[in-house]
Protein backbone atom coordinates (compact mmCIF):
# COMPACT_ATOMS: atom_id res chain seq x y z
CA UNK A 1 17.77 -48.52 -18.21
CA UNK A 2 19.90 -47.10 -20.84
CA UNK A 3 22.58 -44.51 -20.00
CA UNK A 4 20.28 -41.76 -21.79
CA UNK A 5 17.43 -42.47 -19.75
CA UNK A 6 19.48 -42.53 -16.50
CA UNK A 7 20.82 -38.98 -17.26
CA UNK A 8 17.46 -37.69 -17.86
CA UNK A 9 16.14 -39.18 -14.42
CA UNK A 10 19.29 -37.75 -12.59
CA UNK A 11 18.82 -34.46 -14.36
CA UNK A 12 15.09 -34.34 -13.16
CA UNK A 13 16.04 -35.27 -9.71
CA UNK A 14 18.83 -32.65 -9.59
CA UNK A 15 16.40 -29.94 -10.96
CA UNK A 16 13.78 -31.12 -8.34
CA UNK A 17 16.08 -30.74 -5.59
CA UNK A 18 17.28 -27.50 -6.72
CA UNK A 19 13.81 -26.07 -6.61
CA UNK A 20 13.20 -27.58 -3.13
CA UNK A 21 16.27 -26.00 -2.03
CA UNK A 22 15.07 -22.72 -3.54
CA UNK A 23 11.98 -22.77 -1.79
CA UNK A 24 13.78 -23.14 1.57
CA UNK A 25 16.53 -20.67 0.94
CA UNK A 26 15.04 -17.85 -1.01
CA UNK A 27 12.57 -16.71 1.93
CA UNK A 28 15.35 -16.92 4.25
CA UNK A 29 17.89 -15.14 1.98
CA UNK A 30 15.31 -12.37 1.14
CA UNK A 31 14.65 -11.90 4.69
CA UNK A 32 18.12 -11.58 5.88
CA UNK A 33 18.96 -9.24 2.92
CA UNK A 34 16.09 -7.09 4.02
CA UNK A 35 17.15 -6.91 7.55
CA UNK A 36 20.73 -6.23 6.76
CA UNK A 37 19.87 -3.67 4.51
CA UNK A 38 17.61 -2.00 7.11
CA UNK A 39 20.59 -2.18 9.55
CA UNK A 40 23.15 -0.89 7.31
CA UNK A 41 20.95 2.08 6.37
CA UNK A 42 20.09 3.09 9.88
CA UNK A 43 23.54 2.57 11.08
CA UNK A 44 24.82 4.77 8.33
CA UNK A 45 22.72 7.65 9.32
CA UNK A 46 25.65 8.96 11.40
CA UNK A 47 28.37 9.48 8.87
CA UNK A 48 31.46 7.38 10.01
CA UNK A 49 33.98 9.71 7.80
CA UNK A 50 33.34 12.82 9.58
CA UNK A 51 33.84 11.51 13.03
CA UNK A 52 37.61 12.16 14.38
CA UNK A 53 39.50 8.92 15.29
CA UNK A 54 41.46 10.54 18.18
CA UNK A 55 38.41 11.48 20.14
CA UNK A 56 36.03 9.85 22.51
CA UNK A 57 33.49 9.87 19.66
CA UNK A 58 35.64 7.25 17.92
CA UNK A 59 33.53 4.52 19.11
CA UNK A 60 30.75 5.91 16.82
CA UNK A 61 32.66 4.57 14.01
CA UNK A 62 32.06 0.93 15.26
CA UNK A 63 29.64 -1.12 13.15
CA UNK A 64 26.30 -1.25 14.98
CA UNK A 65 26.91 1.85 17.30
CA UNK A 66 24.96 4.23 15.04
CA UNK A 67 22.05 1.66 14.80
CA UNK A 68 21.81 1.43 18.60
CA UNK A 69 21.82 5.05 19.12
CA UNK A 70 19.23 5.61 16.42
CA UNK A 71 16.94 3.02 18.30
CA UNK A 72 17.60 4.85 21.71
CA UNK A 73 16.81 8.33 20.22
CA UNK A 74 13.65 6.85 18.85
CA UNK A 75 12.61 5.35 22.31
CA UNK A 76 13.74 8.56 23.99
CA UNK A 77 11.56 10.72 21.67
CA UNK A 78 8.52 8.56 22.29
CA UNK A 79 9.06 8.43 26.11
CA UNK A 80 9.48 12.31 26.22
CA UNK A 81 6.50 12.71 24.00
CA UNK A 82 4.18 11.07 26.72
CA UNK A 83 5.01 14.01 29.20
CA UNK A 84 2.63 16.82 28.93
CA UNK A 85 5.08 19.61 28.70
CA UNK A 86 7.44 18.08 25.99
CA UNK A 87 4.31 16.56 24.30
CA UNK A 88 2.73 20.12 23.80
CA UNK A 89 6.00 21.22 22.37
CA UNK A 90 5.98 18.26 19.81
CA UNK A 91 2.38 19.14 19.21
CA UNK A 92 3.25 22.76 18.33
CA UNK A 93 6.04 21.52 15.86
CA UNK A 94 3.67 19.27 14.34
CA UNK A 95 1.25 21.99 13.81
CA UNK A 96 3.90 24.23 12.30
CA UNK A 97 5.03 21.47 9.76
CA UNK A 98 1.41 21.06 8.88
CA UNK A 99 0.78 24.78 8.20
CA UNK A 100 4.10 25.30 6.15
CA UNK A 101 3.50 25.58 2.51
CA UNK A 102 4.95 22.57 0.44
CA UNK A 103 6.37 20.91 3.48
CA UNK A 104 2.90 20.03 4.77
CA UNK A 105 2.13 17.77 1.76
CA UNK A 106 5.27 15.63 2.12
CA UNK A 107 4.92 15.55 6.23
CA UNK A 108 1.19 14.97 6.47
CA UNK A 109 1.53 12.21 3.71
CA UNK A 110 4.22 10.60 5.46
CA UNK A 111 2.46 11.13 8.92
CA UNK A 112 -0.73 9.53 7.93
CA UNK A 113 1.04 6.37 6.33
CA UNK A 114 2.95 5.78 9.47
CA UNK A 115 -0.38 6.56 11.53
CA UNK A 116 -2.25 4.02 9.40
CA UNK A 117 0.29 1.09 10.30
CA UNK A 118 1.57 1.78 13.70
CA UNK A 119 -0.20 4.86 15.08
CA UNK A 120 -3.27 4.88 17.37
CA UNK A 121 -5.31 5.75 14.37
CA UNK A 122 -4.56 2.44 12.61
CA UNK A 123 -6.48 2.14 9.30
CA UNK A 124 -5.51 -1.34 8.00
CA UNK A 125 -7.17 -3.33 10.64
CA UNK A 126 -10.57 -3.66 9.35
CA UNK A 127 -10.25 -6.28 6.64
CA UNK A 128 -13.19 -6.67 3.96
CA UNK A 129 -14.02 -8.18 0.94
CA UNK A 130 -15.44 -5.80 -1.82
CA UNK A 131 -17.09 -5.84 -5.10
CA UNK A 132 -15.47 -3.63 -7.46
CA UNK A 133 -15.38 -5.06 -11.09
CA UNK A 134 -18.30 -7.43 -10.88
CA UNK A 135 -21.00 -8.85 -8.77
CA UNK A 136 -19.36 -12.20 -8.57
CA UNK A 137 -15.59 -10.92 -8.21
CA UNK A 138 -14.53 -10.11 -4.75
CA UNK A 139 -11.21 -8.41 -3.70
CA UNK A 140 -9.47 -8.43 -0.36
CA UNK A 141 -9.24 -4.70 0.92
CA UNK A 142 -9.24 -2.69 4.09
CA UNK A 143 -11.70 -0.07 5.04
CA UNK A 144 -9.97 3.19 5.40
CA UNK A 145 -12.85 5.68 5.71
CA UNK A 146 -16.32 4.15 6.80
CA UNK A 147 -18.16 7.17 5.58
CA UNK A 148 -17.25 9.50 2.93
CA UNK A 149 -20.17 11.89 2.96
CA UNK A 150 -17.86 14.90 3.10
CA UNK A 151 -17.22 14.12 -0.46
CA UNK A 152 -20.82 14.32 -1.43
CA UNK A 153 -21.22 10.60 -1.57
CA UNK A 154 -23.51 9.36 1.23
CA UNK A 155 -23.69 5.54 1.60
CA UNK A 156 -20.20 5.18 0.40
CA UNK A 157 -16.79 4.38 1.96
CA UNK A 158 -13.32 4.16 1.07
CA UNK A 159 -11.69 0.72 0.73
CA UNK A 160 -7.76 0.23 0.06
CA UNK A 161 -7.02 -2.81 -1.98
CA UNK A 162 -3.25 -3.72 -1.83
CA UNK A 163 -1.79 -5.05 -5.02
CA UNK A 164 -0.21 -8.65 -4.91
CA UNK A 165 3.56 -8.84 -4.55
CA UNK A 166 4.11 -4.98 -4.17
CA UNK A 167 3.82 -2.40 -1.47
CA UNK A 168 1.40 -0.23 -3.58
CA UNK A 169 -2.43 -0.60 -3.99
CA UNK A 170 -5.57 1.50 -4.75
CA UNK A 171 -8.06 3.20 -2.97
CA UNK A 172 -11.89 2.74 -4.20
CA UNK A 173 -15.01 4.55 -3.22
CA UNK A 174 -17.68 1.83 -3.36
CA UNK A 175 -21.29 1.49 -1.87
CA UNK A 176 -21.37 0.11 1.70
CA UNK A 177 -23.66 -2.90 0.27
CA UNK A 178 -20.59 -3.86 -1.74
CA UNK A 179 -18.57 -4.46 1.24
CA UNK A 180 -18.45 -7.55 3.40
CA UNK A 181 -16.46 -7.10 6.68
CA UNK A 182 -14.13 -10.31 7.44
CA UNK A 183 -14.92 -10.03 11.14
CA UNK A 184 -12.99 -13.12 12.09
CA UNK A 185 -10.04 -12.91 9.89
CA UNK A 186 -7.03 -10.88 11.53
CA UNK A 187 -5.76 -7.66 9.70
CA UNK A 188 -2.15 -9.10 9.40
CA UNK A 189 -3.53 -12.38 7.79
CA UNK A 190 -5.72 -10.58 5.45
CA UNK A 191 -2.85 -8.51 4.30
CA UNK A 192 -0.35 -11.55 3.84
CA UNK A 193 -3.12 -13.09 1.79
CA UNK A 194 -3.66 -10.14 -0.59
CA UNK A 195 0.01 -9.28 -0.93
CA UNK A 196 0.98 -12.87 -1.69
CA UNK A 197 -1.70 -13.28 -4.27
CA UNK A 198 -3.86 -15.61 -2.38
CA UNK A 199 -1.26 -18.44 -1.80
CA UNK A 200 -0.72 -18.04 1.96
CA UNK A 201 -3.28 -19.78 4.38
CA UNK A 202 -5.59 -17.56 6.49
CA UNK A 203 -5.74 -18.12 10.22
CA UNK A 204 -9.38 -17.33 11.29
CA UNK A 205 -9.99 -15.90 14.75
CA UNK A 206 -12.24 -17.77 16.77
CA UNK A 207 -14.14 -14.58 18.33
CA UNK A 208 -15.32 -11.47 16.67
CA UNK A 209 -13.54 -8.20 18.15
CA UNK A 210 -15.72 -5.59 19.61
CA UNK A 211 -14.33 -2.90 17.50
CA UNK A 212 -15.05 -4.47 14.26
CA UNK A 213 -16.60 -1.59 11.93
CA UNK A 214 -20.46 -2.10 11.42
CA UNK A 215 -21.49 -1.97 7.76
CA UNK A 216 -25.25 -1.59 7.02
CA UNK A 217 -26.76 -3.34 4.27
């Protein structure tokens, strides 16, 4: 084997090892950076610069203390909201924000998004296949409104279709006969499949959940 060929073989091996290492380290690195960004952002909610050094509050200047305090605050608010009296106060405050001009558009939009993911009224828990652009083309989506008769479109439903490699998506109003529920696919698996561009493997459930929405044909 000539030196030139040996160099090419060595370069090919180095390049292959580089991409193999990249496949291993990139997901780990991106995940770590995302968690670090979230930690720093939450920890810096309490500005360290305004906290005097020579006071009992000086411990708030330490890294991580603000993060723990924010988590405790969220837990305490969640606990208090479960009580009747404090829950009614939160409900009145919520009602006030929903009726305040301009603020209500921001508040209700953010609230609906959080409710869709982690609230009691989860919206992205009913994965479906939906025909939008053609009879032989299916897209992965989630039922957000099983009935949109209030929009003057009986027999239609709202389906959210996420974009691949993004946190955005589009809502389509489609006839119910163009929607195929994925009753044996967990919502999380369907979301990963859609966001990853279809490269992830879908783990199928062995049993059908009782809360799966019924789509009449």
